[in-house]
Amino acid sequence: MSVHYWIWAITLAIITLVVVPLAIHLLHRALTAARQIERYTREMLEAGVGIANNTAAIPALEDTLKTAGSLVEASKLLKTRADDVGSVAIDLAAPR
């Protein structure tokens, strides 16, 4: 065999025994990383949906706070009226 064939055979052996397994290893690592990223993304989506569902009631709380203000006013009015009724009841029950 000539020198050219030996160089070609050694180069082919290096590619077959070093470069191809290294490329396969690196591709496997990239695939594993991509799968982990996909899994983490799926978990983040589930967490985000859970957060959105748990915070969906916040606008309803705003309405509740608005309603609570009018309820406070109504309770003050009721207390005033109850005090008036109590005063009248005390006056009626007082001995004459």
Foldseek 3Di string as FASTA:
>chain_A
DDPVVVVVVVVVCCCVPPVVVVVVVVVVVVVVVVVVVVVVVVVVVVVVVVVCVVCVCVVVVVVVVVVVVVVVVVVVVVVVVVVVVVVVVCVVPDDD
